[in-house]
Amino acid sequence: RILHHLKAFAPDPRNTIMITGYQVPGTRGASIIA
């Protein structure tokens, strides 16, 4: 379900995406941190 939330909230600069753990290279989480 996080994908639907990212799609809804990631475009708005008022929001925050909080990453809280190790992100395997090649995952969306790793791309966002990068």
Full PDB file with SEQRES, HELIX, SHEET, SSBOND, CRYST1, ORIGX, SCALE, CONECT and MASTER records, all heavy atoms in Angstrom:
SEQRES   1 A   34  ARG ILE LEU HIS HIS LEU LYS ALA PHE ALA PRO ASP PRO          
SEQRES   2 A   34  ARG ASN THR ILE MET ILE THR GLY TYR GLN VAL PRO GLY          
SEQRES   3 A   34  THR ARG GLY ALA SER ILE ILE ALA                              
HELIX    1 AA1 ILE A    2  PHE A    9  1                                   8    
HELIX    2 AA2 ARG A   28  ILE A   33  1                                   6    
CRYST1    1.000    1.000    1.000  90.00  90.00  90.00 P 1           1          
ORIGX1      1.000000  0.000000  0.000000        0.00000                         
ORIGX2      0.000000  1.000000  0.000000        0.00000                         
ORIGX3      0.000000  0.000000  1.000000        0.00000                         
SCALE1      1.000000  0.000000  0.000000        0.00000                         
SCALE2      0.000000  1.000000  0.000000        0.00000                         
SCALE3      0.000000  0.000000  1.000000        0.00000                         
ATOM      1  N   ARG A   1       0.802  -1.232   0.000  1.00  0.00           N  
ATOM      2  CA  ARG A   1       0.000   0.000   0.000  1.00  0.00           C  
ATOM      3  C   ARG A   1       0.828   1.272   0.000  1.00  0.00           C  
ATOM      4  O   ARG A   1       0.345   2.333  -0.396  1.00  0.00           O  
ATOM      5  CB  ARG A   1      -0.936  -0.010   1.210  1.00  0.00           C  
ATOM      6  CG  ARG A   1      -1.993  -1.102   1.149  1.00  0.00           C  
ATOM      7  CD  ARG A   1      -2.929  -1.021   2.347  1.00  0.00           C  
ATOM      8  NE  ARG A   1      -3.946  -2.062   2.292  1.00  0.00           N  
ATOM      9  CZ  ARG A   1      -4.882  -2.226   3.217  1.00  0.00           C  
ATOM     10  NH1 ARG A   1      -4.927  -1.388   4.256  1.00  0.00           N  
ATOM     11  NH2 ARG A   1      -5.766  -3.196   3.107  1.00  0.00           N  
ATOM     12  N   ILE A   2       2.092   1.162   0.458  1.00  0.00           N  
ATOM     13  CA  ILE A   2       2.917   2.376   0.500  1.00  0.00           C  
ATOM     14  C   ILE A   2       3.056   2.992  -0.893  1.00  0.00           C  
ATOM     15  O   ILE A   2       3.194   4.218  -1.028  1.00  0.00           O  
ATOM     16  CB  ILE A   2       4.313   2.065   1.085  1.00  0.00           C  
ATOM     17  CG1 ILE A   2       5.085   3.362   1.366  1.00  0.00           C  
ATOM     18  CG2 ILE A   2       5.116   1.149   0.174  1.00  0.00           C  
ATOM     19  CD1 ILE A   2       4.436   4.268   2.374  1.00  0.00           C  
ATOM     20  N   LEU A   3       2.969   2.180  -1.943  1.00  0.00           N  
ATOM     21  CA  LEU A   3       3.116   2.719  -3.298  1.00  0.00           C  
ATOM     22  C   LEU A   3       1.993   3.694  -3.625  1.00  0.00           C  
ATOM     23  O   LEU A   3       2.220   4.735  -4.258  1.00  0.00           O  
ATOM     24  CB  LEU A   3       3.155   1.581  -4.314  1.00  0.00           C  
ATOM     25  CG  LEU A   3       4.321   0.599  -4.179  1.00  0.00           C  
ATOM     26  CD1 LEU A   3       4.303  -0.397  -5.329  1.00  0.00           C  
ATOM     27  CD2 LEU A   3       5.656   1.336  -4.130  1.00  0.00           C  
ATOM     28  N   HIS A   4       0.778   3.374  -3.215  1.00  0.00           N  
ATOM     29  CA  HIS A   4      -0.350   4.278  -3.448  1.00  0.00           C  
ATOM     30  C   HIS A   4      -0.167   5.586  -2.674  1.00  0.00           C  
ATOM     31  O   HIS A   4      -0.482   6.672  -3.178  1.00  0.00           O  
ATOM     32  CB  HIS A   4      -1.660   3.603  -3.051  1.00  0.00           C  
ATOM     33  CG  HIS A   4      -1.962   2.373  -3.846  1.00  0.00           C  
ATOM     34  ND1 HIS A   4      -2.454   2.414  -5.131  1.00  0.00           N  
ATOM     35  CD2 HIS A   4      -1.814   1.049  -3.538  1.00  0.00           C  
ATOM     36  CE1 HIS A   4      -2.620   1.183  -5.590  1.00  0.00           C  
ATOM     37  NE2 HIS A   4      -2.239   0.341  -4.644  1.00  0.00           N  
ATOM     38  N   HIS A   5       0.361   5.473  -1.454  1.00  0.00           N  
ATOM     39  CA  HIS A   5       0.581   6.686  -0.649  1.00  0.00           C  
ATOM     40  C   HIS A   5       1.704   7.537  -1.237  1.00  0.00           C  
ATOM     41  O   HIS A   5       1.618   8.773  -1.250  1.00  0.00           O  
ATOM     42  CB  HIS A   5       0.876   6.306   0.797  1.00  0.00           C  
ATOM     43  CG  HIS A   5      -0.262   5.620   1.485  1.00  0.00           C  
ATOM     44  ND1 HIS A   5      -1.545   6.109   1.457  1.00  0.00           N  
ATOM     45  CD2 HIS A   5      -0.316   4.460   2.201  1.00  0.00           C  
ATOM     46  CE1 HIS A   5      -2.346   5.301   2.137  1.00  0.00           C  
ATOM     47  NE2 HIS A   5      -1.618   4.292   2.596  1.00  0.00           N  
ATOM     48  N   LEU A   6       2.768   6.900  -1.706  1.00  0.00           N  
ATOM     49  CA  LEU A   6       3.850   7.659  -2.332  1.00  0.00           C  
ATOM     50  C   LEU A   6       3.349   8.366  -3.584  1.00  0.00           C  
ATOM     51  O   LEU A   6       3.692   9.531  -3.840  1.00  0.00           O  
ATOM     52  CB  LEU A   6       5.020   6.730  -2.675  1.00  0.00           C  
ATOM     53  CG  LEU A   6       5.844   6.230  -1.501  1.00  0.00           C  
ATOM     54  CD1 LEU A   6       6.879   5.214  -1.967  1.00  0.00           C  
ATOM     55  CD2 LEU A   6       6.523   7.379  -0.763  1.00  0.00           C  
ATOM     56  N   LYS A   7       2.545   7.674  -4.350  1.00  0.00           N  
ATOM     57  CA  LYS A   7       1.999   8.276  -5.569  1.00  0.00           C  
ATOM     58  C   LYS A   7       1.151   9.503  -5.237  1.00  0.00           C  
ATOM     59  O   LYS A   7       1.164  10.515  -5.949  1.00  0.00           O  
ATOM     60  CB  LYS A   7       1.168   7.229  -6.309  1.00  0.00           C  
ATOM     61  CG  LYS A   7       0.862   7.561  -7.755  1.00  0.00           C  
ATOM     62  CD  LYS A   7       0.207   6.376  -8.456  1.00  0.00           C  
ATOM     63  CE  LYS A   7      -0.120   6.720  -9.889  1.00  0.00           C  
ATOM     64  NZ  LYS A   7      -0.787   5.583 -10.584  1.00  0.00           N  
ATOM     65  N   ALA A   8       0.429   9.425  -4.099  1.00  0.00           N  
ATOM     66  CA  ALA A   8      -0.443  10.534  -3.704  1.00  0.00           C  
ATOM     67  C   ALA A   8       0.317  11.681  -3.053  1.00  0.00           C  
ATOM     68  O   ALA A   8       0.007  12.860  -3.292  1.00  0.00           O  
ATOM     69  CB  ALA A   8      -1.522  10.016  -2.746  1.00  0.00           C  
ATOM     70  N   PHE A   9       1.329  11.365  -2.231  1.00  0.00           N  
ATOM     71  CA  PHE A   9       1.945  12.395  -1.388  1.00  0.00           C  
ATOM     72  C   PHE A   9       3.322  12.849  -1.843  1.00  0.00           C  
ATOM     73  O   PHE A   9       3.752  13.954  -1.495  1.00  0.00           O  
ATOM     74  CB  PHE A   9       2.028  11.896   0.061  1.00  0.00           C  
ATOM     75  CG  PHE A   9       0.696  11.657   0.699  1.00  0.00           C  
ATOM     76  CD1 PHE A   9       0.287  10.364   1.049  1.00  0.00           C  
ATOM     77  CD2 PHE A   9      -0.177  12.707   0.943  1.00  0.00           C  
ATOM     78  CE1 PHE A   9      -0.949  10.141   1.632  1.00  0.00           C  
ATOM     79  CE2 PHE A   9      -1.422  12.493   1.525  1.00  0.00           C  
ATOM     80  CZ  PHE A   9      -1.807  11.198   1.868  1.00  0.00           C  
ATOM     81  N   ALA A  10       4.042  12.040  -2.619  1.00  0.00           N  
ATOM     82  CA  ALA A  10       5.405  12.414  -3.010  1.00  0.00           C  
ATOM     83  C   ALA A  10       5.475  13.676  -3.856  1.00  0.00           C  
ATOM     84  O   ALA A  10       6.454  14.430  -3.744  1.00  0.00           O  
ATOM     85  CB  ALA A  10       6.071  11.247  -3.741  1.00  0.00           C  
ATOM     86  N   PRO A  11       4.492  13.992  -4.707  1.00  0.00           N  
ATOM     87  CA  PRO A  11       4.619  15.208  -5.535  1.00  0.00           C  
ATOM     88  C   PRO A  11       4.482  16.525  -4.785  1.00  0.00           C  
ATOM     89  O   PRO A  11       4.837  17.580  -5.329  1.00  0.00           O  
ATOM     90  CB  PRO A  11       3.467  15.043  -6.556  1.00  0.00           C  
ATOM     91  CG  PRO A  11       3.168  13.582  -6.586  1.00  0.00           C  
ATOM     92  CD  PRO A  11       3.380  13.134  -5.172  1.00  0.00           C  
ATOM     93  N   ASP A  12       3.998  16.518  -3.553  1.00  0.00           N  
ATOM     94  CA  ASP A  12       3.690  17.757  -2.830  1.00  0.00           C  
ATOM     95  C   ASP A  12       4.840  18.109  -1.879  1.00  0.00           C  
ATOM     96  O   ASP A  12       5.147  17.341  -0.963  1.00  0.00           O  
ATOM     97  CB  ASP A  12       2.395  17.574  -2.036  1.00  0.00           C  
ATOM     98  CG  ASP A  12       1.876  18.874  -1.448  1.00  0.00           C  
ATOM     99  OD1 ASP A  12       2.678  19.805  -1.230  1.00  0.00           O  
ATOM    100  OD2 ASP A  12       0.652  18.954  -1.188  1.00  0.00           O  
ATOM    101  N   PRO A  13       5.485  19.260  -2.038  1.00  0.00           N  
ATOM    102  CA  PRO A  13       6.627  19.623  -1.187  1.00  0.00           C  
ATOM    103  C   PRO A  13       6.274  19.861   0.275  1.00  0.00           C  
ATOM    104  O   PRO A  13       7.178  19.950   1.124  1.00  0.00           O  
ATOM    105  CB  PRO A  13       7.159  20.908  -1.835  1.00  0.00           C  
ATOM    106  CG  PRO A  13       6.014  21.448  -2.619  1.00  0.00           C  
ATOM    107  CD  PRO A  13       5.229  20.265  -3.081  1.00  0.00           C  
ATOM    108  N   ARG A  14       4.993  19.973   0.603  1.00  0.00           N  
ATOM    109  CA  ARG A  14       4.620  20.119   2.018  1.00  0.00           C  
ATOM    110  C   ARG A  14       4.810  18.814   2.787  1.00  0.00           C  
ATOM    111  O   ARG A  14       4.961  18.822   4.016  1.00  0.00           O  
ATOM    112  CB  ARG A  14       3.164  20.562   2.130  1.00  0.00           C  
ATOM    113  CG  ARG A  14       2.861  21.951   1.590  1.00  0.00           C  
ATOM    114  CD  ARG A  14       1.376  22.239   1.658  1.00  0.00           C  
ATOM    115  NE  ARG A  14       0.608  21.256   0.882  1.00  0.00           N  
ATOM    116  CZ  ARG A  14      -0.713  21.172   0.897  1.00  0.00           C  
ATOM    117  NH1 ARG A  14      -1.429  21.994   1.664  1.00  0.00           N  
ATOM    118  NH2 ARG A  14      -1.329  20.267   0.146  1.00  0.00           N  
ATOM    119  N   ASN A  15       4.791  17.699   2.078  1.00  0.00           N  
ATOM    120  CA  ASN A  15       4.851  16.388   2.724  1.00  0.00           C  
ATOM    121  C   ASN A  15       6.284  15.936   2.957  1.00  0.00           C  
ATOM    122  O   ASN A  15       7.234  16.507   2.406  1.00  0.00           O  
ATOM    123  CB  ASN A  15       4.112  15.355   1.867  1.00  0.00           C  
ATOM    124  CG  ASN A  15       2.664  15.732   1.647  1.00  0.00           C  
ATOM    125  OD1 ASN A  15       2.026  16.315   2.530  1.00  0.00           O  
ATOM    126  ND2 ASN A  15       2.134  15.420   0.464  1.00  0.00           N  
ATOM    127  N   THR A  16       6.436  14.902   3.774  1.00  0.00           N  
ATOM    128  CA  THR A  16       7.751  14.318   4.041  1.00  0.00           C  
ATOM    129  C   THR A  16       7.684  12.808   3.862  1.00  0.00           C  
ATOM    130  O   THR A  16       6.767  12.151   4.363  1.00  0.00           O  
ATOM    131  CB  THR A  16       8.222  14.623   5.475  1.00  0.00           C  
ATOM    132  OG1 THR A  16       8.359  16.031   5.644  1.00  0.00           O  
ATOM    133  CG2 THR A  16       9.564  13.956   5.768  1.00  0.00           C  
ATOM    134  N   ILE A  17       8.662  12.279   3.157  1.00  0.00           N  
ATOM    135  CA  ILE A  17       8.863  10.824   3.086  1.00  0.00           C  
ATOM    136  C   ILE A  17       9.965  10.488   4.079  1.00  0.00           C  
ATOM    137  O   ILE A  17      11.086  10.994   3.966  1.00  0.00           O  
ATOM    138  CB  ILE A  17       9.260  10.380   1.667  1.00  0.00           C  
ATOM    139  CG1 ILE A  17       8.204  10.792   0.649  1.00  0.00           C  
ATOM    140  CG2 ILE A  17       9.489   8.863   1.636  1.00  0.00           C  
ATOM    141  CD1 ILE A  17       8.649  10.627  -0.791  1.00  0.00           C  
ATOM    142  N   MET A  18       9.634   9.682   5.067  1.00  0.00           N  
ATOM    143  CA  MET A  18      10.584   9.343   6.118  1.00  0.00           C  
ATOM    144  C   MET A  18      11.086   7.906   5.916  1.00  0.00           C  
ATOM    145  O   MET A  18      10.320   6.955   5.978  1.00  0.00           O  
ATOM    146  CB  MET A  18       9.938   9.474   7.504  1.00  0.00           C  
ATOM    147  CG  MET A  18      10.908   9.222   8.655  1.00  0.00           C  
ATOM    148  SD  MET A  18      10.043   9.160  10.249  1.00  0.00           S  
ATOM    149  CE  MET A  18       9.451  10.840  10.369  1.00  0.00           C  
ATOM    150  N   ILE A  19      12.374   7.773   5.655  1.00  0.00           N  
ATOM    151  CA  ILE A  19      13.007   6.460   5.479  1.00  0.00           C  
ATOM    152  C   ILE A  19      13.625   6.052   6.810  1.00  0.00           C  
ATOM    153  O   ILE A  19      14.333   6.837   7.444  1.00  0.00           O  
ATOM    154  CB  ILE A  19      14.071   6.508   4.371  1.00  0.00           C  
ATOM    155  CG1 ILE A  19      13.461   7.027   3.060  1.00  0.00           C  
ATOM    156  CG2 ILE A  19      14.694   5.133   4.171  1.00  0.00           C  
ATOM    157  CD1 ILE A  19      12.399   6.149   2.463  1.00  0.00           C  
ATOM    158  N   THR A  20      13.376   4.823   7.223  1.00  0.00           N  
ATOM    159  CA  THR A  20      13.749   4.437   8.595  1.00  0.00           C  
ATOM    160  C   THR A  20      14.591   3.163   8.674  1.00  0.00           C  
ATOM    161  O   THR A  20      14.715   2.581   9.736  1.00  0.00           O  
ATOM    162  CB  THR A  20      12.485   4.224   9.446  1.00  0.00           C  
ATOM    163  OG1 THR A  20      11.692   3.185   8.856  1.00  0.00           O  
ATOM    164  CG2 THR A  20      11.677   5.487   9.552  1.00  0.00           C  
ATOM    165  N   GLY A  21      15.166   2.717   7.568  1.00  0.00           N  
ATOM    166  CA  GLY A  21      15.954   1.493   7.645  1.00  0.00           C  
ATOM    167  C   GLY A  21      16.783   1.279   6.402  1.00  0.00           C  
ATOM    168  O   GLY A  21      16.771   2.083   5.459  1.00  0.00           O  
ATOM    169  N   TYR A  22      17.515   0.188   6.394  1.00  0.00           N  
ATOM    170  CA  TYR A  22      18.406  -0.124   5.290  1.00  0.00           C  
ATOM    171  C   TYR A  22      17.605  -0.294   4.000  1.00  0.00           C  
ATOM    172  O   TYR A  22      16.557  -0.938   3.983  1.00  0.00           O  
ATOM    173  CB  TYR A  22      19.192  -1.409   5.569  1.00  0.00           C  
ATOM    174  CG  TYR A  22      20.201  -1.709   4.493  1.00  0.00           C  
ATOM    175  CD1 TYR A  22      21.442  -1.080   4.484  1.00  0.00           C  
ATOM    176  CD2 TYR A  22      19.901  -2.586   3.454  1.00  0.00           C  
ATOM    177  CE1 TYR A  22      22.364  -1.333   3.482  1.00  0.00           C  
ATOM    178  CE2 TYR A  22      20.817  -2.848   2.452  1.00  0.00           C  
ATOM    179  CZ  TYR A  22      22.046  -2.212   2.472  1.00  0.00           C  
ATOM    180  OH  TYR A  22      22.947  -2.460   1.473  1.00  0.00           O  
ATOM    181  N   GLN A  23      18.117   0.278   2.918  1.00  0.00           N  
ATOM    182  CA  GLN A  23      17.468   0.203   1.613  1.00  0.00           C  
ATOM    183  C   GLN A  23      18.384  -0.550   0.644  1.00  0.00           C  
ATOM    184  O   GLN A  23      19.487  -0.090   0.343  1.00  0.00           O  
ATOM    185  CB  GLN A  23      17.168   1.601   1.077  1.00  0.00           C  
ATOM    186  CG  GLN A  23      16.334   2.462   2.010  1.00  0.00           C  
ATOM    187  CD  GLN A  23      14.939   1.918   2.216  1.00  0.00           C  
ATOM    188  OE1 GLN A  23      14.194   1.678   1.274  1.00  0.00           O  
ATOM    189  NE2 GLN A  23      14.571   1.710   3.479  1.00  0.00           N  
ATOM    190  N   VAL A  24      17.930  -1.690   0.178  1.00  0.00           N  
ATOM    191  CA  VAL A  24      18.717  -2.478  -0.767  1.00  0.00           C  
ATOM    192  C   VAL A  24      18.879  -1.691  -2.063  1.00  0.00           C  
ATOM    193  O   VAL A  24      17.911  -1.113  -2.566  1.00  0.00           O  
ATOM    194  CB  VAL A  24      18.024  -3.830  -1.037  1.00  0.00           C  
ATOM    195  CG1 VAL A  24      18.690  -4.576  -2.193  1.00  0.00           C  
ATOM    196  CG2 VAL A  24      18.041  -4.690   0.222  1.00  0.00           C  
ATOM    197  N   PRO A  25      20.096  -1.635  -2.632  1.00  0.00           N  
ATOM    198  CA  PRO A  25      20.272  -0.955  -3.921  1.00  0.00           C  
ATOM    199  C   PRO A  25      19.295  -1.487  -4.968  1.00  0.00           C  
ATOM    200  O   PRO A  25      19.054  -2.683  -5.066  1.00  0.00           O  
ATOM    201  CB  PRO A  25      21.723  -1.291  -4.290  1.00  0.00           C  
ATOM    202  CG  PRO A  25      22.407  -1.507  -2.977  1.00  0.00           C  
ATOM    203  CD  PRO A  25      21.365  -2.148  -2.093  1.00  0.00           C  
ATOM    204  N   GLY A  26      18.731  -0.559  -5.732  1.00  0.00           N  
ATOM    205  CA  GLY A  26      17.777  -0.948  -6.755  1.00  0.00           C  
ATOM    206  C   GLY A  26      16.336  -0.829  -6.334  1.00  0.00           C  
ATOM    207  O   GLY A  26      15.436  -0.966  -7.168  1.00  0.00           O  
ATOM    208  N   THR A  27      16.085  -0.593  -5.055  1.00  0.00           N  
ATOM    209  CA  THR A  27      14.707  -0.430  -4.593  1.00  0.00           C  
ATOM    210  C   THR A  27      14.300   1.040  -4.692  1.00  0.00           C  
ATOM    211  O   THR A  27      15.140   1.941  -4.782  1.00  0.00           O  
ATOM    212  CB  THR A  27      14.553  -0.891  -3.136  1.00  0.00           C  
ATOM    213  OG1 THR A  27      15.404  -0.089  -2.290  1.00  0.00           O  
ATOM    214  CG2 THR A  27      14.942  -2.369  -2.982  1.00  0.00           C  
ATOM    215  N   ARG A  28      12.985   1.288  -4.660  1.00  0.00           N  
ATOM    216  CA  ARG A  28      12.515   2.679  -4.700  1.00  0.00           C  
ATOM    217  C   ARG A  28      13.011   3.456  -3.492  1.00  0.00           C  
ATOM    218  O   ARG A  28      13.331   4.642  -3.589  1.00  0.00           O  
ATOM    219  CB  ARG A  28      10.989   2.709  -4.766  1.00  0.00           C  
ATOM    220  CG  ARG A  28      10.408   2.176  -6.070  1.00  0.00           C  
ATOM    221  CD  ARG A  28       8.897   2.325  -6.082  1.00  0.00           C  
ATOM    222  NE  ARG A  28       8.308   1.672  -7.252  1.00  0.00           N  
ATOM    223  CZ  ARG A  28       7.964   0.387  -7.289  1.00  0.00           C  
ATOM    224  NH1 ARG A  28       8.150  -0.383  -6.216  1.00  0.00           N  
ATOM    225  NH2 ARG A  28       7.428  -0.130  -8.380  1.00  0.00           N  
ATOM    226  N   GLY A  29      13.061   2.782  -2.326  1.00  0.00           N  
ATOM    227  CA  GLY A  29      13.556   3.462  -1.135  1.00  0.00           C  
ATOM    228  C   GLY A  29      14.979   3.943  -1.307  1.00  0.00           C  
ATOM    229  O   GLY A  29      15.329   5.067  -0.909  1.00  0.00           O  
ATOM    230  N   ALA A  30      15.833   3.120  -1.916  1.00  0.00           N  
ATOM    231  CA  ALA A  30      17.221   3.515  -2.168  1.00  0.00           C  
ATOM    232  C   ALA A  30      17.278   4.686  -3.144  1.00  0.00           C  
ATOM    233  O   ALA A  30      18.095   5.602  -2.991  1.00  0.00           O  
ATOM    234  CB  ALA A  30      18.014   2.327  -2.703  1.00  0.00           C  
ATOM    235  N   SER A  31      16.413   4.676  -4.148  1.00  0.00           N  
ATOM    236  CA  SER A  31      16.380   5.775  -5.116  1.00  0.00           C  
ATOM    237  C   SER A  31      15.968   7.080  -4.452  1.00  0.00           C  
ATOM    238  O   SER A  31      16.526   8.149  -4.730  1.00  0.00           O  
ATOM    239  CB  SER A  31      15.405   5.447  -6.255  1.00  0.00           C  
ATOM    240  OG  SER A  31      15.839   4.307  -6.981  1.00  0.00           O  
ATOM    241  N   ILE A  32      14.987   7.008  -3.557  1.00  0.00           N  
ATOM    242  CA  ILE A  32      14.507   8.209  -2.869  1.00  0.00           C  
ATOM    243  C   ILE A  32      15.595   8.786  -1.979  1.00  0.00           C  
ATOM    244  O   ILE A  32      15.844  10.006  -1.976  1.00  0.00           O  
ATOM    245  CB  ILE A  32      13.229   7.881  -2.063  1.00  0.00           C  
ATOM    246  CG1 ILE A  32      12.059   7.597  -3.024  1.00  0.00           C  
ATOM    247  CG2 ILE A  32      12.871   9.031  -1.114  1.00  0.00           C  
ATOM    248  CD1 ILE A  32      10.833   7.039  -2.355  1.00  0.00           C  
ATOM    249  N   ILE A  33      16.299   7.914  -1.227  1.00  0.00           N  
ATOM    250  CA  ILE A  33      17.397   8.391  -0.373  1.00  0.00           C  
ATOM    251  C   ILE A  33      18.501   9.029  -1.210  1.00  0.00           C  
ATOM    252  O   ILE A  33      19.122  10.014  -0.814  1.00  0.00           O  
ATOM    253  CB  ILE A  33      17.965   7.230   0.466  1.00  0.00           C  
ATOM    254  CG1 ILE A  33      17.055   6.953   1.647  1.00  0.00           C  
ATOM    255  CG2 ILE A  33      19.362   7.543   0.970  1.00  0.00           C  
ATOM    256  CD1 ILE A  33      17.576   5.881   2.571  1.00  0.00           C  
ATOM    257  N   ALA A  34      18.752   8.448  -2.380  1.00  0.00           N  
ATOM    258  CA  ALA A  34      19.821   8.952  -3.246  1.00  0.00           C  
ATOM    259  C   ALA A  34      19.488  10.296  -3.877  1.00  0.00           C  
ATOM    260  O   ALA A  34      20.336  10.898  -4.546  1.00  0.00           O  
ATOM    261  CB  ALA A  34      20.134   7.929  -4.332  1.00  0.00           C  
TER     262      ALA A  34                                                      
MASTER        0    0    0    2    0    0    0    6  261    1    0    3          
END                                                                             
